[in-house]
């Protein structure tokens, strides 16, 4: 009987150790995925911000060109 109880105790300890290892692996995997998502979000933010800056530059260029075109079209009132 003592041998059976010893085996049961050993199996229980092994199972708890394995489940702890599994939990640690899951936590590490989750953290890695979490970091990757943050990096992806940061890259997306940089790309989006770059597109916005590019659009602003294009708008400034267009507005400047529009103003230059409009100036000669105004009648001279002298």
PDB file of N, CA and C in Angstrom:
ATOM      1  N   UNK A   1       0.815  -1.193   0.000  1.00  0.00           N
ATOM      2  CA  UNK A   1       0.000   0.000   0.000  1.00  0.00           C
ATOM      3  C   UNK A   1       0.858   1.255   0.000  1.00  0.00           C
ATOM      4  N   UNK A   2       1.913   1.249   0.769  1.00  0.00           N
ATOM      5  CA  UNK A   2       2.762   2.441   0.817  1.00  0.00           C
ATOM      6  C   UNK A   2       3.353   2.730  -0.554  1.00  0.00           C
ATOM      7  N   UNK A   3       3.668   1.698  -1.292  1.00  0.00           N
ATOM      8  CA  UNK A   3       4.245   1.883  -2.612  1.00  0.00           C
ATOM      9  C   UNK A   3       3.247   2.561  -3.555  1.00  0.00           C
ATOM     10  N   UNK A   4       1.984   2.179  -3.483  1.00  0.00           N
ATOM     11  CA  UNK A   4       0.945   2.780  -4.324  1.00  0.00           C
ATOM     12  C   UNK A   4       0.778   4.258  -3.978  1.00  0.00           C
ATOM     13  N   UNK A   5       0.740   4.577  -2.699  1.00  0.00           N
ATOM     14  CA  UNK A   5       0.605   5.977  -2.288  1.00  0.00           C
ATOM     15  C   UNK A   5       1.819   6.794  -2.729  1.00  0.00           C
ATOM     16  N   UNK A   6       2.992   6.171  -2.649  1.00  0.00           N
ATOM     17  CA  UNK A   6       4.210   6.858  -3.088  1.00  0.00           C
ATOM     18  C   UNK A   6       4.159   7.163  -4.575  1.00  0.00           C
ATOM     19  N   UNK A   7       3.695   6.186  -5.360  1.00  0.00           N
ATOM     20  CA  UNK A   7       3.576   6.396  -6.805  1.00  0.00           C
ATOM     21  C   UNK A   7       2.551   7.484  -7.119  1.00  0.00           C
ATOM     22  N   UNK A   8       1.439   7.463  -6.410  1.00  0.00           N
ATOM     23  CA  UNK A   8       0.405   8.478  -6.633  1.00  0.00           C
ATOM     24  C   UNK A   8       0.935   9.871  -6.308  1.00  0.00           C
ATOM     25  N   UNK A   9       1.689   9.973  -5.213  1.00  0.00           N
ATOM     26  CA  UNK A   9       2.266  11.254  -4.827  1.00  0.00           C
ATOM     27  C   UNK A   9       3.261  11.727  -5.888  1.00  0.00           C
ATOM     28  N   UNK A  10       4.078  10.807  -6.371  1.00  0.00           N
ATOM     29  CA  UNK A  10       5.068  11.149  -7.390  1.00  0.00           C
ATOM     30  C   UNK A  10       4.376  11.616  -8.668  1.00  0.00           C
ATOM     31  N   UNK A  11       3.323  10.909  -9.090  1.00  0.00           N
ATOM     32  CA  UNK A  11       2.591  11.297 -10.298  1.00  0.00           C
ATOM     33  C   UNK A  11       1.931  12.666 -10.125  1.00  0.00           C
ATOM     34  N   UNK A  12       1.384  12.898  -8.966  1.00  0.00           N
ATOM     35  CA  UNK A  12       0.749  14.186  -8.698  1.00  0.00           C
ATOM     36  C   UNK A  12       1.775  15.308  -8.776  1.00  0.00           C
ATOM     37  N   UNK A  13       2.952  15.083  -8.198  1.00  0.00           N
ATOM     38  CA  UNK A  13       4.011  16.089  -8.245  1.00  0.00           C
ATOM     39  C   UNK A  13       4.466  16.319  -9.681  1.00  0.00           C
ATOM     40  N   UNK A  14       4.599  15.232 -10.440  1.00  0.00           N
ATOM     41  CA  UNK A  14       5.022  15.366 -11.841  1.00  0.00           C
ATOM     42  C   UNK A  14       3.974  16.138 -12.644  1.00  0.00           C
ATOM     43  N   UNK A  15       2.710  15.818 -12.425  1.00  0.00           N
ATOM     44  CA  UNK A  15       1.643  16.510 -13.152  1.00  0.00           C
ATOM     45  C   UNK A  15       1.605  17.996 -12.812  1.00  0.00           C
ATOM     46  N   UNK A  16       1.795  18.317 -11.544  1.00  0.00           N
ATOM     47  CA  UNK A  16       1.783  19.734 -11.168  1.00  0.00           C
ATOM     48  C   UNK A  16       2.995  20.452 -11.746  1.00  0.00           C
ATOM     49  N   UNK A  17       4.142  19.768 -11.785  1.00  0.00           N
ATOM     50  CA  UNK A  17       5.343  20.370 -12.364  1.00  0.00           C
ATOM     51  C   UNK A  17       5.142  20.604 -13.857  1.00  0.00           C
ATOM     52  N   UNK A  18       4.574  19.618 -14.535  1.00  0.00           N
ATOM     53  CA  UNK A  18       4.326  19.757 -15.972  1.00  0.00           C
ATOM     54  C   UNK A  18       3.337  20.886 -16.239  1.00  0.00           C
ATOM     55  N   UNK A  19       2.293  20.970 -15.435  1.00  0.00           N
ATOM     56  CA  UNK A  19       1.317  22.045 -15.650  1.00  0.00           C
ATOM     57  C   UNK A  19       1.938  23.413 -15.384  1.00  0.00           C
ATOM     58  N   UNK A  20       2.842  23.510 -14.412  1.00  0.00           N
ATOM     59  CA  UNK A  20       3.533  24.778 -14.158  1.00  0.00           C
ATOM     60  C   UNK A  20       4.416  25.149 -15.337  1.00  0.00           C
ATOM     61  N   UNK A  21       5.105  24.164 -15.899  1.00  0.00           N
ATOM     62  CA  UNK A  21       5.956  24.424 -17.065  1.00  0.00           C
ATOM     63  C   UNK A  21       5.093  24.882 -18.237  1.00  0.00           C
ATOM     64  N   UNK A  22       3.954  24.211 -18.436  1.00  0.00           N
ATOM     65  CA  UNK A  22       3.042  24.606 -19.513  1.00  0.00           C
ATOM     66  C   UNK A  22       2.559  26.041 -19.324  1.00  0.00           C
ATOM     67  N   UNK A  23       2.234  26.400 -18.099  1.00  0.00           N
ATOM     68  CA  UNK A  23       1.774  27.762 -17.830  1.00  0.00           C
ATOM     69  C   UNK A  23       2.868  28.771 -18.137  1.00  0.00           C
ATOM     70  N   UNK A  24       4.102  28.446 -17.745  1.00  0.00           N
ATOM     71  CA  UNK A  24       5.215  29.357 -18.018  1.00  0.00           C
ATOM     72  C   UNK A  24       5.414  29.523 -19.521  1.00  0.00           C
ATOM     73  N   UNK A  25       5.329  28.407 -20.257  1.00  0.00           N
ATOM     74  CA  UNK A  25       5.489  28.489 -21.705  1.00  0.00           C
ATOM     75  C   UNK A  25       4.379  29.328 -22.336  1.00  0.00           C
ATOM     76  N   UNK A  26       3.160  29.145 -21.859  1.00  0.00           N
ATOM     77  CA  UNK A  26       2.047  29.937 -22.382  1.00  0.00           C
ATOM     78  C   UNK A  26       2.241  31.415 -22.086  1.00  0.00           C
ATOM     79  N   UNK A  27       2.699  31.723 -20.893  1.00  0.00           N
ATOM     80  CA  UNK A  27       2.936  33.124 -20.526  1.00  0.00           C
ATOM     81  C   UNK A  27       4.024  33.717 -21.408  1.00  0.00           C
ATOM     82  N   UNK A  28       5.118  32.980 -21.603  1.00  0.00           N
ATOM     83  CA  UNK A  28       6.201  33.473 -22.449  1.00  0.00           C
ATOM     84  C   UNK A  28       5.732  33.664 -23.886  1.00  0.00           C
ATOM     85  N   UNK A  29       4.943  32.708 -24.376  1.00  0.00           N
ATOM     86  CA  UNK A  29       4.428  32.823 -25.738  1.00  0.00           C
ATOM     87  C   UNK A  29       3.510  34.037 -25.857  1.00  0.00           C
ATOM     88  N   UNK A  30       2.666  34.240 -24.877  1.00  0.00           N
ATOM     89  CA  UNK A  30       1.758  35.389 -24.884  1.00  0.00           C
ATOM     90  C   UNK A  30       2.553  36.694 -24.879  1.00  0.00           C
ATOM     91  N   UNK A  31       3.600  36.737 -24.061  1.00  0.00           N
ATOM     92  CA  UNK A  31       4.403  37.955 -23.992  1.00  0.00           C
ATOM     93  C   UNK A  31       5.097  38.216 -25.323  1.00  0.00           C
ATOM     94  N   UNK A  32       5.581  37.164 -25.960  1.00  0.00           N
ATOM     95  CA  UNK A  32       6.237  37.350 -27.255  1.00  0.00           C
ATOM     96  C   UNK A  32       5.245  37.874 -28.281  1.00  0.00           C
ATOM     97  N   UNK A  33       4.070  37.290 -28.303  1.00  0.00           N
ATOM     98  CA  UNK A  33       3.045  37.745 -29.234  1.00  0.00           C
ATOM     99  C   UNK A  33       2.657  39.180 -28.908  1.00  0.00           C
ATOM    100  N   UNK A  34       2.534  39.486 -27.629  1.00  0.00           N
ATOM    101  CA  UNK A  34       2.194  40.843 -27.221  1.00  0.00           C
ATOM    102  C   UNK A  34       3.226  41.842 -27.685  1.00  0.00           C
ATOM    103  N   UNK A  35       4.504  41.490 -27.552  1.00  0.00           N
ATOM    104  CA  UNK A  35       5.563  42.393 -28.001  1.00  0.00           C
ATOM    105  C   UNK A  35       5.495  42.573 -29.509  1.00  0.00           C
ATOM    106  N   UNK A  36       5.237  41.487 -30.208  1.00  0.00           N
ATOM    107  CA  UNK A  36       5.159  41.573 -31.659  1.00  0.00           C
ATOM    108  C   UNK A  36       4.016  42.488 -32.078  1.00  0.00           C
ATOM    109  N   UNK A  37       2.894  42.390 -31.400  1.00  0.00           N
ATOM    110  CA  UNK A  37       1.763  43.248 -31.732  1.00  0.00           C
ATOM    111  C   UNK A  37       2.114  44.707 -31.497  1.00  0.00           C
ATOM    112  N   UNK A  38       2.817  44.971 -30.419  1.00  0.00           N
ATOM    113  CA  UNK A  38       3.211  46.348 -30.130  1.00  0.00           C
ATOM    114  C   UNK A  38       4.138  46.856 -31.217  1.00  0.00           C
ATOM    115  N   UNK A  39       5.113  46.025 -31.623  1.00  0.00           N
ATOM    116  CA  UNK A  39       6.025  46.445 -32.678  1.00  0.00           C
ATOM    117  C   UNK A  39       5.266  46.671 -33.974  1.00  0.00           C
ATOM    118  N   UNK A  40       4.325  45.775 -34.303  1.00  0.00           N
ATOM    119  CA  UNK A  40       3.536  45.938 -35.514  1.00  0.00           C
ATOM    120  C   UNK A  40       2.714  47.212 -35.453  1.00  0.00           C
ATOM    121  N   UNK A  41       2.127  47.494 -34.311  1.00  0.00           N
ATOM    122  CA  UNK A  41       1.345  48.718 -34.163  1.00  0.00           C
ATOM    123  C   UNK A  41       2.223  49.940 -34.330  1.00  0.00           C
ATOM    124  N   UNK A  42       3.445  49.873 -33.784  1.00  0.00           N
ATOM    125  CA  UNK A  42       4.360  50.998 -33.899  1.00  0.00           C
ATOM    126  C   UNK A  42       4.746  51.203 -35.356  1.00  0.00           C
ATOM    127  N   UNK A  43       5.030  50.090 -36.074  1.00  0.00           N
ATOM    128  CA  UNK A  43       5.365  50.201 -37.489  1.00  0.00           C
ATOM    129  C   UNK A  43       4.197  50.772 -38.277  1.00  0.00           C
ATOM    130  N   UNK A  44       2.999  50.326 -37.970  1.00  0.00           N
ATOM    131  CA  UNK A  44       1.810  50.840 -38.649  1.00  0.00           C
ATOM    132  C   UNK A  44       1.650  52.326 -38.362  1.00  0.00           C
ATOM    133  N   UNK A  45       1.900  52.714 -37.121  1.00  0.00           N
ATOM    134  CA  UNK A  45       1.792  54.123 -36.745  1.00  0.00           C
ATOM    135  C   UNK A  45       2.799  54.954 -37.532  1.00  0.00           C
ATOM    136  N   UNK A  46       4.044  54.447 -37.635  1.00  0.00           N
ATOM    137  CA  UNK A  46       5.059  55.194 -38.376  1.00  0.00           C
ATOM    138  C   UNK A  46       4.680  55.325 -39.840  1.00  0.00           C
ATOM    139  N   UNK A  47       4.179  54.242 -40.438  1.00  0.00           N
ATOM    140  CA  UNK A  47       3.775  54.312 -41.837  1.00  0.00           C
ATOM    141  C   UNK A  47       2.629  55.296 -42.029  1.00  0.00           C
ATOM    142  N   UNK A  48       1.651  55.223 -41.149  1.00  0.00           N
ATOM    143  CA  UNK A  48       0.505  56.111 -41.250  1.00  0.00           C
ATOM    144  C   UNK A  48       0.940  57.558 -41.040  1.00  0.00           C
ATOM    145  N   UNK A  49       1.805  57.789 -40.057  1.00  0.00           N
ATOM    146  CA  UNK A  49       2.284  59.138 -39.784  1.00  0.00           C
ATOM    147  C   UNK A  49       3.082  59.657 -40.976  1.00  0.00           C
ATOM    148  N   UNK A  50       3.881  58.781 -41.587  1.00  0.00           N
ATOM    149  CA  UNK A  50       4.643  59.177 -42.772  1.00  0.00           C
ATOM    150  C   UNK A  50       3.730  59.559 -43.917  1.00  0.00           C
ATOM    151  N   UNK A  51       2.650  58.807 -44.102  1.00  0.00           N
ATOM    152  CA  UNK A  51       1.682  59.124 -45.154  1.00  0.00           C
ATOM    153  C   UNK A  51       1.013  60.463 -44.888  1.00  0.00           C
ATOM    154  N   UNK A  52       0.693  60.727 -43.636  1.00  0.00           N
ATOM    155  CA  UNK A  52       0.060  62.002 -43.280  1.00  0.00           C
ATOM    156  C   UNK A  52       1.012  63.159 -43.562  1.00  0.00           C
ATOM    157  N   UNK A  53       2.280  63.000 -43.185  1.00  0.00           N
ATOM    158  CA  UNK A  53       3.262  64.056 -43.434  1.00  0.00           C
ATOM    159  C   UNK A  53       3.434  64.289 -44.930  1.00  0.00           C
ATOM    160  N   UNK A  54       3.469  63.202 -45.695  1.00  0.00           N
ATOM    161  CA  UNK A  54       3.609  63.320 -47.146  1.00  0.00           C
ATOM    162  C   UNK A  54       2.410  64.064 -47.733  1.00  0.00           C
ATOM    163  N   UNK A  55       1.213  63.736 -47.263  1.00  0.00           N
ATOM    164  CA  UNK A  55       0.004  64.399 -47.750  1.00  0.00           C
ATOM    165  C   UNK A  55       0.027  65.884 -47.401  1.00  0.00           C
ATOM    166  N   UNK A  56       0.498  66.219 -46.205  1.00  0.00           N
ATOM    167  CA  UNK A  56       0.583  67.631 -45.813  1.00  0.00           C
ATOM    168  C   UNK A  56       1.542  68.389 -46.729  1.00  0.00           C
ATOM    169  N   UNK A  57       2.693  67.764 -47.056  1.00  0.00           N
ATOM    170  CA  UNK A  57       3.649  68.411 -47.960  1.00  0.00           C
ATOM    171  C   UNK A  57       3.028  68.621 -49.339  1.00  0.00           C
ATOM    172  N   UNK A  58       2.318  67.606 -49.823  1.00  0.00           N
ATOM    173  CA  UNK A  58       1.666  67.735 -51.126  1.00  0.00           C
ATOM    174  C   UNK A  58       0.611  68.837 -51.098  1.00  0.00           C
ATOM    175  N   UNK A  59      -0.133  68.921 -50.006  1.00  0.00           N
ATOM    176  CA  UNK A  59      -1.149  69.967 -49.882  1.00  0.00           C
ATOM    177  C   UNK A  59      -0.507  71.349 -49.886  1.00  0.00           C
ATOM    178  N   UNK A  60       0.612  71.495 -49.176  1.00  0.00           N
ATOM    179  CA  UNK A  60       1.298  72.788 -49.154  1.00  0.00           C
ATOM    180  C   UNK A  60       1.777  73.157 -50.550  1.00  0.00           C
ATOM    181  N   UNK A  61       2.326  72.174 -51.262  1.00  0.00           N
ATOM    182  CA  UNK A  61       2.807  72.433 -52.616  1.00  0.00           C
ATOM    183  C   UNK A  61       1.651  72.822 -53.523  1.00  0.00           C
ATOM    184  N   UNK A  62       0.554  72.113 -53.417  1.00  0.00           N
ATOM    185  CA  UNK A  62      -0.624  72.413 -54.235  1.00  0.00           C
ATOM    186  C   UNK A  62      -1.172  73.792 -53.899  1.00  0.00           C
ATOM    187  N   UNK A  63      -1.280  74.110 -52.621  1.00  0.00           N
ATOM    188  CA  UNK A  63      -1.787  75.423 -52.213  1.00  0.00           C
ATOM    189  C   UNK A  63      -0.875  76.535 -52.704  1.00  0.00           C
ATOM    190  N   UNK A  64       0.420  76.310 -52.625  1.00  0.00           N
ATOM    191  CA  UNK A  64       1.371  77.311 -53.085  1.00  0.00           C
ATOM    192  C   UNK A  64       1.236  77.510 -54.590  1.00  0.00           C
ATOM    193  N   UNK A  65       1.115  76.426 -55.323  1.00  0.00           N
ATOM    194  CA  UNK A  65       0.952  76.523 -56.777  1.00  0.00           C
ATOM    195  C   UNK A  65      -0.363  77.208 -57.120  1.00  0.00           C
ATOM    196  N   UNK A  66      -1.423  76.912 -56.386  1.00  0.00           N
ATOM    197  CA  UNK A  66      -2.718  77.559 -56.625  1.00  0.00           C
ATOM    198  C   UNK A  66      -2.626  79.058 -56.388  1.00  0.00           C
ATOM    199  N   UNK A  67      -1.930  79.460 -55.346  1.00  0.00           N
ATOM    200  CA  UNK A  67      -1.789  80.886 -55.050  1.00  0.00           C
ATOM    201  C   UNK A  67      -1.013  81.586 -56.155  1.00  0.00           C
ATOM    202  N   UNK A  68       0.021  80.940 -56.674  1.00  0.00           N
ATOM    203  CA  UNK A  68       0.814  81.559 -57.734  1.00  0.00           C
ATOM    204  C   UNK A  68      -0.001  81.698 -59.012  1.00  0.00           C
ATOM    205  N   UNK A  69      -0.860  80.744 -59.256  1.00  0.00           N
ATOM    206  CA  UNK A  69      -1.711  80.825 -60.443  1.00  0.00           C
ATOM    207  C   UNK A  69      -2.755  81.918 -60.264  1.00  0.00           C
ATOM    208  N   UNK A  70      -3.290  82.065 -59.079  1.00  0.00           N
ATOM    209  CA  UNK A  70      -4.341  83.043 -58.821  1.00  0.00           C
ATOM    210  C   UNK A  70      -3.830  84.482 -58.888  1.00  0.00           C
ATOM    211  N   UNK A  71      -2.602  84.729 -58.495  1.00  0.00           N
ATOM    212  CA  UNK A  71      -2.098  86.101 -58.448  1.00  0.00           C
ATOM    213  C   UNK A  71      -2.126  86.796 -59.805  1.00  0.00           C
ATOM    214  N   UNK A  72      -1.624  86.197 -60.877  1.00  0.00           N
ATOM    215  CA  UNK A  72      -1.668  86.909 -62.158  1.00  0.00           C
ATOM    216  C   UNK A  72      -3.096  87.115 -62.680  1.00  0.00           C
ATOM    217  N   UNK A  73      -4.046  86.334 -62.243  1.00  0.00           N
ATOM    218  CA  UNK A  73      -5.408  86.447 -62.741  1.00  0.00           C
ATOM    219  C   UNK A  73      -6.167  87.606 -62.109  1.00  0.00           C
ATOM    220  N   UNK A  74      -5.675  88.167 -61.020  1.00  0.00           N
ATOM    221  CA  UNK A  74      -6.380  89.288 -60.388  1.00  0.00           C
ATOM    222  C   UNK A  74      -6.180  90.541 -61.244  1.00  0.00           C
ATOM    223  N   UNK A  75      -7.218  91.296 -61.437  1.00  0.00           N
ATOM    224  CA  UNK A  75      -7.093  92.509 -62.272  1.00  0.00           C
ATOM    225  C   UNK A  75      -6.244  93.574 -61.571  1.00  0.00           C
ATOM    226  N   UNK A  76      -5.496  94.283 -62.354  1.00  0.00           N
ATOM    227  CA  UNK A  76      -4.659  95.354 -61.823  1.00  0.00           C
ATOM    228  C   UNK A  76      -5.517  96.614 -61.720  1.00  0.00           C
ATOM    229  N   UNK A  77      -5.671  97.133 -60.506  1.00  0.00           N
ATOM    230  CA  UNK A  77      -6.580  98.264 -60.285  1.00  0.00           C
ATOM    231  C   UNK A  77      -5.854  99.607 -60.285  1.00  0.00           C
ATOM    232  N   UNK A  78      -4.683  99.710 -60.751  1.00  0.00           N
ATOM    233  CA  UNK A  78      -3.953 100.983 -60.740  1.00  0.00           C
ATOM    234  C   UNK A  78      -4.409 101.885 -61.785  1.00  0.00           C
TER     235      UNK A  78
END
